[in-house]
Every structure is written in structure tokens, then in C-alpha cells.
PDB file of all heavy atoms in Angstrom:
ATOM      1  N   GLN A   1       0.840  -1.168   0.006  1.00  0.00           N
ATOM      2  CA  GLN A   1       0.005   0.018  -0.001  1.00  0.00           C
ATOM      3  C   GLN A   1       0.880   1.221  -0.033  1.00  0.00           C
ATOM      4  O   GLN A   1       1.885   1.218   0.717  1.00  0.00           O
ATOM      5  CB  GLN A   1      -0.874   0.001   1.261  1.00  0.00           C
ATOM      6  CG  GLN A   1      -1.967  -1.085   1.256  1.00  0.00           C
ATOM      7  CD  GLN A   1      -2.909  -0.943   0.079  1.00  0.00           C
ATOM      8  OE1 GLN A   1      -3.339   0.068  -0.279  1.00  0.00           O
ATOM      9  NE2 GLN A   1      -3.276  -2.080  -0.445  1.00  0.00           N
ATOM     10  N   PRO A   2       0.575   2.279  -0.792  1.00  0.00           N
ATOM     11  CA  PRO A   2       1.357   3.517  -0.771  1.00  0.00           C
ATOM     12  C   PRO A   2       1.296   4.238   0.559  1.00  0.00           C
ATOM     13  O   PRO A   2       0.242   4.114   1.283  1.00  0.00           O
ATOM     14  CB  PRO A   2       0.704   4.320  -1.823  1.00  0.00           C
ATOM     15  CG  PRO A   2      -0.626   3.727  -2.198  1.00  0.00           C
ATOM     16  CD  PRO A   2      -0.552   2.340  -1.656  1.00  0.00           C
ATOM     17  N   VAL A   3       2.412   4.809   0.949  1.00  0.00           N
ATOM     18  CA  VAL A   3       2.523   5.653   2.130  1.00  0.00           C
ATOM     19  C   VAL A   3       2.798   7.089   1.677  1.00  0.00           C
ATOM     20  O   VAL A   3       3.772   7.312   0.933  1.00  0.00           O
ATOM     21  CB  VAL A   3       3.680   5.134   3.044  1.00  0.00           C
ATOM     22  CG1 VAL A   3       3.759   5.968   4.279  1.00  0.00           C
ATOM     23  CG2 VAL A   3       3.412   3.699   3.450  1.00  0.00           C
ATOM     24  N   VAL A   4       1.974   8.036   2.244  1.00  0.00           N
ATOM     25  CA  VAL A   4       2.137   9.412   1.953  1.00  0.00           C
ATOM     26  C   VAL A   4       2.380  10.243   3.119  1.00  0.00           C
ATOM     27  O   VAL A   4       2.022   9.761   4.250  1.00  0.00           O
ATOM     28  CB  VAL A   4       0.962   9.972   1.134  1.00  0.00           C
ATOM     29  CG1 VAL A   4       0.785   9.305  -0.207  1.00  0.00           C
ATOM     30  CG2 VAL A   4      -0.352   9.917   1.961  1.00  0.00           C
ATOM     31  N   ASN A   5       2.967  11.381   3.086  1.00  0.00           N
ATOM     32  CA  ASN A   5       3.074  12.282   4.241  1.00  0.00           C
ATOM     33  C   ASN A   5       1.842  13.165   4.305  1.00  0.00           C
ATOM     34  O   ASN A   5       0.970  13.058   3.507  1.00  0.00           O
ATOM     35  CB  ASN A   5       4.407  13.051   4.196  1.00  0.00           C
ATOM     36  CG  ASN A   5       4.562  13.974   3.023  1.00  0.00           C
ATOM     37  OD1 ASN A   5       3.513  14.384   2.391  1.00  0.00           O
ATOM     38  ND2 ASN A   5       5.778  14.340   2.730  1.00  0.00           N
ATOM     39  N   LEU A   6       1.832  14.056   5.317  1.00  0.00           N
ATOM     40  CA  LEU A   6       0.597  14.873   5.484  1.00  0.00           C
ATOM     41  C   LEU A   6       0.450  15.919   4.337  1.00  0.00           C
ATOM     42  O   LEU A   6      -0.686  16.482   4.175  1.00  0.00           O
ATOM     43  CB  LEU A   6       0.691  15.674   6.784  1.00  0.00           C
ATOM     44  CG  LEU A   6       0.506  14.753   8.032  1.00  0.00           C
ATOM     45  CD1 LEU A   6       0.799  15.485   9.354  1.00  0.00           C
ATOM     46  CD2 LEU A   6      -0.836  14.064   8.053  1.00  0.00           C
ATOM     47  N   ASN A   7       1.489  16.119   3.493  1.00  0.00           N
ATOM     48  CA  ASN A   7       1.329  16.950   2.325  1.00  0.00           C
ATOM     49  C   ASN A   7       0.858  16.199   1.104  1.00  0.00           C
ATOM     50  O   ASN A   7       0.745  16.735   0.009  1.00  0.00           O
ATOM     51  CB  ASN A   7       2.705  17.648   1.897  1.00  0.00           C
ATOM     52  CG  ASN A   7       3.147  18.519   3.035  1.00  0.00           C
ATOM     53  OD1 ASN A   7       2.351  19.207   3.708  1.00  0.00           O
ATOM     54  ND2 ASN A   7       4.498  18.646   3.230  1.00  0.00           N
ATOM     55  N   GLY A   8       0.585  14.878   1.317  1.00  0.00           N
ATOM     56  CA  GLY A   8       0.116  14.046   0.190  1.00  0.00           C
ATOM     57  C   GLY A   8       1.256  13.587  -0.698  1.00  0.00           C
ATOM     58  O   GLY A   8       0.928  12.920  -1.775  1.00  0.00           O
ATOM     59  N   GLU A   9       2.530  13.736  -0.303  1.00  0.00           N
ATOM     60  CA  GLU A   9       3.589  13.323  -1.164  1.00  0.00           C
ATOM     61  C   GLU A   9       3.955  11.912  -0.826  1.00  0.00           C
ATOM     62  O   GLU A   9       4.072  11.568   0.355  1.00  0.00           O
ATOM     63  CB  GLU A   9       4.879  14.255  -0.891  1.00  0.00           C
ATOM     64  CG  GLU A   9       4.602  15.682  -1.135  1.00  0.00           C
ATOM     65  CD  GLU A   9       5.642  16.559  -0.431  1.00  0.00           C
ATOM     66  OE1 GLU A   9       6.250  16.123   0.592  1.00  0.00           O
ATOM     67  OE2 GLU A   9       5.885  17.629  -0.947  1.00  0.00           O
ATOM     68  N   ARG A  10       4.119  11.085  -1.871  1.00  0.00           N
ATOM     69  CA  ARG A  10       4.429   9.694  -1.647  1.00  0.00           C
ATOM     70  C   ARG A  10       5.801   9.552  -1.148  1.00  0.00           C
ATOM     71  O   ARG A  10       6.736  10.067  -1.704  1.00  0.00           O
ATOM     72  CB  ARG A  10       4.221   8.945  -3.012  1.00  0.00           C
ATOM     73  CG  ARG A  10       4.403   7.449  -2.816  1.00  0.00           C
ATOM     74  CD  ARG A  10       4.099   6.736  -4.102  1.00  0.00           C
ATOM     75  NE  ARG A  10       4.438   5.281  -3.964  1.00  0.00           N
ATOM     76  CZ  ARG A  10       3.680   4.313  -4.371  1.00  0.00           C
ATOM     77  NH1 ARG A  10       2.403   4.580  -4.891  1.00  0.00           N
ATOM     78  NH2 ARG A  10       3.991   3.090  -4.239  1.00  0.00           N
ATOM     79  N   VAL A  11       5.954   8.732  -0.076  1.00  0.00           N
ATOM     80  CA  VAL A  11       7.344   8.500   0.516  1.00  0.00           C
ATOM     81  C   VAL A  11       7.730   7.058   0.285  1.00  0.00           C
ATOM     82  O   VAL A  11       8.933   6.751   0.517  1.00  0.00           O
ATOM     83  CB  VAL A  11       7.326   8.876   2.031  1.00  0.00           C
ATOM     84  CG1 VAL A  11       7.195  10.391   2.179  1.00  0.00           C
ATOM     85  CG2 VAL A  11       6.446   8.113   2.840  1.00  0.00           C
ATOM     86  N   GLY A  12       6.849   6.213  -0.083  1.00  0.00           N
ATOM     87  CA  GLY A  12       7.242   4.806  -0.308  1.00  0.00           C
ATOM     88  C   GLY A  12       5.977   3.928  -0.227  1.00  0.00           C
ATOM     89  O   GLY A  12       4.847   4.361  -0.433  1.00  0.00           O
ATOM     90  N   MET A  13       6.151   2.657   0.090  1.00  0.00           N
ATOM     91  CA  MET A  13       5.082   1.731   0.313  1.00  0.00           C
ATOM     92  C   MET A  13       5.371   0.733   1.398  1.00  0.00           C
ATOM     93  O   MET A  13       6.553   0.408   1.713  1.00  0.00           O
ATOM     94  CB  MET A  13       4.810   1.058  -0.994  1.00  0.00           C
ATOM     95  CG  MET A  13       5.820  -0.051  -1.481  1.00  0.00           C
ATOM     96  SD  MET A  13       5.315  -0.875  -2.906  1.00  0.00           S
ATOM     97  CE  MET A  13       6.658  -1.878  -3.206  1.00  0.00           C
ATOM     98  N   ILE A  14       4.345   0.224   2.003  1.00  0.00           N
ATOM     99  CA  ILE A  14       4.480  -0.770   3.044  1.00  0.00           C
ATOM    100  C   ILE A  14       5.075  -2.090   2.455  1.00  0.00           C
ATOM    101  O   ILE A  14       4.505  -2.625   1.515  1.00  0.00           O
ATOM    102  CB  ILE A  14       3.118  -1.040   3.788  1.00  0.00           C
ATOM    103  CG1 ILE A  14       2.692   0.183   4.553  1.00  0.00           C
ATOM    104  CG2 ILE A  14       3.210  -2.274   4.701  1.00  0.00           C
ATOM    105  CD1 ILE A  14       3.376   0.525   5.836  1.00  0.00           C
ATOM    106  N   GLU A  15       6.189  -2.497   3.073  1.00  0.00           N
ATOM    107  CA  GLU A  15       6.693  -3.793   2.623  1.00  0.00           C
ATOM    108  C   GLU A  15       6.259  -4.898   3.530  1.00  0.00           C
ATOM    109  O   GLU A  15       6.030  -6.033   3.056  1.00  0.00           O
ATOM    110  CB  GLU A  15       8.265  -3.697   2.649  1.00  0.00           C
ATOM    111  CG  GLU A  15       8.973  -4.920   2.103  1.00  0.00           C
ATOM    112  CD  GLU A  15      10.428  -4.698   2.066  1.00  0.00           C
ATOM    113  OE1 GLU A  15      10.930  -3.978   1.059  1.00  0.00           O
ATOM    114  OE2 GLU A  15      11.185  -5.119   2.915  1.00  0.00           O
ATOM    115  N   ASP A  16       6.104  -4.609   4.808  1.00  0.00           N
ATOM    116  CA  ASP A  16       5.748  -5.650   5.769  1.00  0.00           C
ATOM    117  C   ASP A  16       5.372  -4.975   7.067  1.00  0.00           C
ATOM    118  O   ASP A  16       5.685  -3.817   7.350  1.00  0.00           O
ATOM    119  CB  ASP A  16       6.888  -6.595   6.068  1.00  0.00           C
ATOM    120  CG  ASP A  16       6.489  -8.031   6.369  1.00  0.00           C
ATOM    121  OD1 ASP A  16       5.243  -8.238   6.567  1.00  0.00           O
ATOM    122  OD2 ASP A  16       7.345  -8.891   6.387  1.00  0.00           O
ATOM    123  N   ILE A  17       4.534  -5.716   7.880  1.00  0.00           N
ATOM    124  CA  ILE A  17       4.176  -5.281   9.277  1.00  0.00           C
ATOM    125  C   ILE A  17       4.959  -6.217  10.200  1.00  0.00           C
ATOM    126  O   ILE A  17       4.786  -7.443  10.094  1.00  0.00           O
ATOM    127  CB  ILE A  17       2.724  -5.294   9.554  1.00  0.00           C
ATOM    128  CG1 ILE A  17       1.981  -4.497   8.515  1.00  0.00           C
ATOM    129  CG2 ILE A  17       2.393  -4.860  11.018  1.00  0.00           C
ATOM    130  CD1 ILE A  17       2.278  -2.977   8.604  1.00  0.00           C
ATOM    131  N   ILE A  18       5.761  -5.729  11.147  1.00  0.00           N
ATOM    132  CA  ILE A  18       6.490  -6.591  12.024  1.00  0.00           C
ATOM    133  C   ILE A  18       6.254  -6.135  13.519  1.00  0.00           C
ATOM    134  O   ILE A  18       5.823  -5.004  13.757  1.00  0.00           O
ATOM    135  CB  ILE A  18       8.024  -6.549  11.686  1.00  0.00           C
ATOM    136  CG1 ILE A  18       8.571  -5.144  11.906  1.00  0.00           C
ATOM    137  CG2 ILE A  18       8.257  -7.092  10.254  1.00  0.00           C
ATOM    138  CD1 ILE A  18      10.095  -5.152  11.875  1.00  0.00           C
ATOM    139  N   ARG A  19       6.709  -6.946  14.453  1.00  0.00           N
ATOM    140  CA  ARG A  19       6.673  -6.671  15.835  1.00  0.00           C
ATOM    141  C   ARG A  19       8.108  -6.845  16.324  1.00  0.00           C
ATOM    142  O   ARG A  19       8.657  -7.987  16.162  1.00  0.00           O
ATOM    143  CB  ARG A  19       5.739  -7.502  16.709  1.00  0.00           C
ATOM    144  CG  ARG A  19       5.745  -7.103  18.134  1.00  0.00           C
ATOM    145  CD  ARG A  19       4.798  -8.021  18.969  1.00  0.00           C
ATOM    146  NE  ARG A  19       5.300  -9.369  18.996  1.00  0.00           N
ATOM    147  CZ  ARG A  19       6.299  -9.775  19.840  1.00  0.00           C
ATOM    148  NH1 ARG A  19       6.856  -8.958  20.685  1.00  0.00           N
ATOM    149  NH2 ARG A  19       6.732 -11.075  19.816  1.00  0.00           N
ATOM    150  N   SER A  20       8.726  -5.864  16.898  1.00  0.00           N
ATOM    151  CA  SER A  20      10.078  -5.931  17.417  1.00  0.00           C
ATOM    152  C   SER A  20       9.992  -6.802  18.671  1.00  0.00           C
ATOM    153  O   SER A  20       9.193  -6.626  19.578  1.00  0.00           O
ATOM    154  CB  SER A  20      10.610  -4.582  17.765  1.00  0.00           C
ATOM    155  OG  SER A  20      11.812  -4.717  18.676  1.00  0.00           O
ATOM    156  N   THR A  21      10.848  -7.799  18.725  1.00  0.00           N
ATOM    157  CA  THR A  21      10.946  -8.612  20.010  1.00  0.00           C
ATOM    158  C   THR A  21      11.793  -8.020  21.080  1.00  0.00           C
ATOM    159  O   THR A  21      11.789  -8.490  22.236  1.00  0.00           O
ATOM    160  CB  THR A  21      11.549 -10.017  19.718  1.00  0.00           C
ATOM    161  OG1 THR A  21      12.807  -9.849  19.076  1.00  0.00           O
ATOM    162  CG2 THR A  21      10.603 -10.825  18.725  1.00  0.00           C
ATOM    163  N   GLU A  22      12.375  -6.817  20.765  1.00  0.00           N
ATOM    164  CA  GLU A  22      13.172  -6.160  21.765  1.00  0.00           C
ATOM    165  C   GLU A  22      12.343  -5.137  22.584  1.00  0.00           C
ATOM    166  O   GLU A  22      12.463  -5.160  23.749  1.00  0.00           O
ATOM    167  CB  GLU A  22      14.270  -5.353  21.051  1.00  0.00           C
ATOM    168  CG  GLU A  22      15.331  -6.171  20.418  1.00  0.00           C
ATOM    169  CD  GLU A  22      16.267  -5.404  19.523  1.00  0.00           C
ATOM    170  OE1 GLU A  22      16.351  -4.209  19.611  1.00  0.00           O
ATOM    171  OE2 GLU A  22      17.030  -6.086  18.800  1.00  0.00           O
ATOM    172  N   ASP A  23      11.423  -4.468  21.903  1.00  0.00           N
ATOM    173  CA  ASP A  23      10.603  -3.434  22.625  1.00  0.00           C
ATOM    174  C   ASP A  23       9.072  -3.766  22.506  1.00  0.00           C
ATOM    175  O   ASP A  23       8.281  -3.047  22.987  1.00  0.00           O
ATOM    176  CB  ASP A  23      10.914  -2.085  22.231  1.00  0.00           C
ATOM    177  CG  ASP A  23      10.577  -1.752  20.841  1.00  0.00           C
ATOM    178  OD1 ASP A  23      10.028  -2.616  20.114  1.00  0.00           O
ATOM    179  OD2 ASP A  23      10.938  -0.681  20.275  1.00  0.00           O
ATOM    180  N   ASN A  24       8.748  -4.916  21.807  1.00  0.00           N
ATOM    181  CA  ASN A  24       7.327  -5.304  21.675  1.00  0.00           C
ATOM    182  C   ASN A  24       6.497  -4.246  20.899  1.00  0.00           C
ATOM    183  O   ASN A  24       5.272  -4.193  21.079  1.00  0.00           O
ATOM    184  CB  ASN A  24       6.752  -5.700  23.029  1.00  0.00           C
ATOM    185  CG  ASN A  24       5.524  -6.672  22.821  1.00  0.00           C
ATOM    186  OD1 ASN A  24       5.607  -7.502  22.003  1.00  0.00           O
ATOM    187  ND2 ASN A  24       4.553  -6.505  23.624  1.00  0.00           N
ATOM    188  N   GLN A  25       7.135  -3.404  20.135  1.00  0.00           N
ATOM    189  CA  GLN A  25       6.427  -2.390  19.356  1.00  0.00           C
ATOM    190  C   GLN A  25       6.231  -2.843  17.994  1.00  0.00           C
ATOM    191  O   GLN A  25       6.999  -3.600  17.395  1.00  0.00           O
ATOM    192  CB  GLN A  25       7.262  -1.083  19.391  1.00  0.00           C
ATOM    193  CG  GLN A  25       6.493   0.048  18.796  1.00  0.00           C
ATOM    194  CD  GLN A  25       7.128   1.403  19.128  1.00  0.00           C
ATOM    195  OE1 GLN A  25       8.044   1.525  19.965  1.00  0.00           O
ATOM    196  NE2 GLN A  25       6.655   2.438  18.470  1.00  0.00           N
ATOM    197  N   TYR A  26       5.096  -2.414  17.350  1.00  0.00           N
ATOM    198  CA  TYR A  26       4.775  -2.767  15.997  1.00  0.00           C
ATOM    199  C   TYR A  26       5.319  -1.661  15.063  1.00  0.00           C
ATOM    200  O   TYR A  26       5.275  -0.492  15.341  1.00  0.00           O
ATOM    201  CB  TYR A  26       3.243  -2.841  15.826  1.00  0.00           C
ATOM    202  CG  TYR A  26       2.688  -4.056  16.511  1.00  0.00           C
ATOM    203  CD1 TYR A  26       2.333  -3.998  17.857  1.00  0.00           C
ATOM    204  CD2 TYR A  26       2.527  -5.285  15.834  1.00  0.00           C
ATOM    205  CE1 TYR A  26       1.895  -5.117  18.566  1.00  0.00           C
ATOM    206  CE2 TYR A  26       2.035  -6.359  16.465  1.00  0.00           C
ATOM    207  CZ  TYR A  26       1.672  -6.331  17.825  1.00  0.00           C
ATOM    208  OH  TYR A  26       1.140  -7.438  18.539  1.00  0.00           O
ATOM    209  N   TYR A  27       5.837  -2.192  13.897  1.00  0.00           N
ATOM    210  CA  TYR A  27       6.414  -1.266  12.911  1.00  0.00           C
ATOM    211  C   TYR A  27       5.900  -1.589  11.485  1.00  0.00           C
ATOM    212  O   TYR A  27       5.734  -2.750  11.163  1.00  0.00           O
ATOM    213  CB  TYR A  27       7.954  -1.485  12.832  1.00  0.00           C
ATOM    214  CG  TYR A  27       8.683  -0.987  14.129  1.00  0.00           C
ATOM    215  CD1 TYR A  27       8.814  -1.786  15.187  1.00  0.00           C
ATOM    216  CD2 TYR A  27       9.154   0.343  14.117  1.00  0.00           C
ATOM    217  CE1 TYR A  27       9.480  -1.399  16.353  1.00  0.00           C
ATOM    218  CE2 TYR A  27       9.858   0.771  15.294  1.00  0.00           C
ATOM    219  CZ  TYR A  27      10.003  -0.065  16.400  1.00  0.00           C
ATOM    220  OH  TYR A  27      10.630   0.385  17.499  1.00  0.00           O
ATOM    221  N   GLY A  28       5.699  -0.541  10.725  1.00  0.00           N
ATOM    222  CA  GLY A  28       5.406  -0.655   9.326  1.00  0.00           C
ATOM    223  C   GLY A  28       6.766  -0.520   8.634  1.00  0.00           C
ATOM    224  O   GLY A  28       7.432   0.531   8.767  1.00  0.00           O
ATOM    225  N   MET A  29       7.216  -1.522   7.869  1.00  0.00           N
ATOM    226  CA  MET A  29       8.505  -1.444   7.170  1.00  0.00           C
ATOM    227  C   MET A  29       8.119  -0.804   5.862  1.00  0.00           C
ATOM    228  O   MET A  29       7.372  -1.286   5.067  1.00  0.00           O
ATOM    229  CB  MET A  29       9.007  -2.909   6.965  1.00  0.00           C
ATOM    230  CG  MET A  29       9.361  -3.595   8.303  1.00  0.00           C
ATOM    231  SD  MET A  29      10.522  -2.657   9.296  1.00  0.00           S
ATOM    232  CE  MET A  29      12.001  -2.738   8.348  1.00  0.00           C
ATOM    233  N   ILE A  30       8.708   0.379   5.686  1.00  0.00           N
ATOM    234  CA  ILE A  30       8.406   1.137   4.443  1.00  0.00           C
ATOM    235  C   ILE A  30       9.588   1.082   3.498  1.00  0.00           C
ATOM    236  O   ILE A  30      10.754   1.452   3.809  1.00  0.00           O
ATOM    237  CB  ILE A  30       8.147   2.690   4.873  1.00  0.00           C
ATOM    238  CG1 ILE A  30       6.930   2.699   5.766  1.00  0.00           C
ATOM    239  CG2 ILE A  30       7.955   3.461   3.634  1.00  0.00           C
ATOM    240  CD1 ILE A  30       6.633   4.077   6.298  1.00  0.00           C
ATOM    241  N   ASP A  31       9.216   0.648   2.287  1.00  0.00           N
ATOM    242  CA  ASP A  31      10.185   0.566   1.136  1.00  0.00           C
ATOM    243  C   ASP A  31      10.264   2.041   0.626  1.00  0.00           C
ATOM    244  O   ASP A  31       9.283   2.601   0.142  1.00  0.00           O
ATOM    245  CB  ASP A  31       9.709  -0.371   0.110  1.00  0.00           C
ATOM    246  CG  ASP A  31      10.649  -0.469  -1.111  1.00  0.00           C
ATOM    247  OD1 ASP A  31      11.577   0.420  -1.266  1.00  0.00           O
ATOM    248  OD2 ASP A  31      10.383  -1.361  -1.956  1.00  0.00           O
ATOM    249  N   LEU A  32      11.431   2.659   0.609  1.00  0.00           N
ATOM    250  CA  LEU A  32      11.570   4.059   0.181  1.00  0.00           C
ATOM    251  C   LEU A  32      11.717   4.172  -1.292  1.00  0.00           C
ATOM    252  O   LEU A  32      11.939   5.282  -1.807  1.00  0.00           O
ATOM    253  CB  LEU A  32      12.729   4.696   0.952  1.00  0.00           C
ATOM    254  CG  LEU A  32      12.722   4.636   2.412  1.00  0.00           C
ATOM    255  CD1 LEU A  32      13.961   5.252   3.020  1.00  0.00           C
ATOM    256  CD2 LEU A  32      11.455   5.515   2.893  1.00  0.00           C
TER     257      LEU A  32
END
């Protein structure tokens, strides 16, 4: 899925959704 900033400019796309096992936080991996 495309990722845009608040100005509507495309910055990349979601490559994967992961959970860090270090801090238990969820991240969207963005292909630039």
C-alpha cells in the first residue's frame, strides 16, 4: 500500500508489518 506524508507526497510503500521482539512495538516497514 502506498505511504504518503501529510502533504500528500508519496514517500514509499508498506513492505511488511512486524513486531520488534526487543521493545514489543509494532512497525510498518516502508520501502523508500
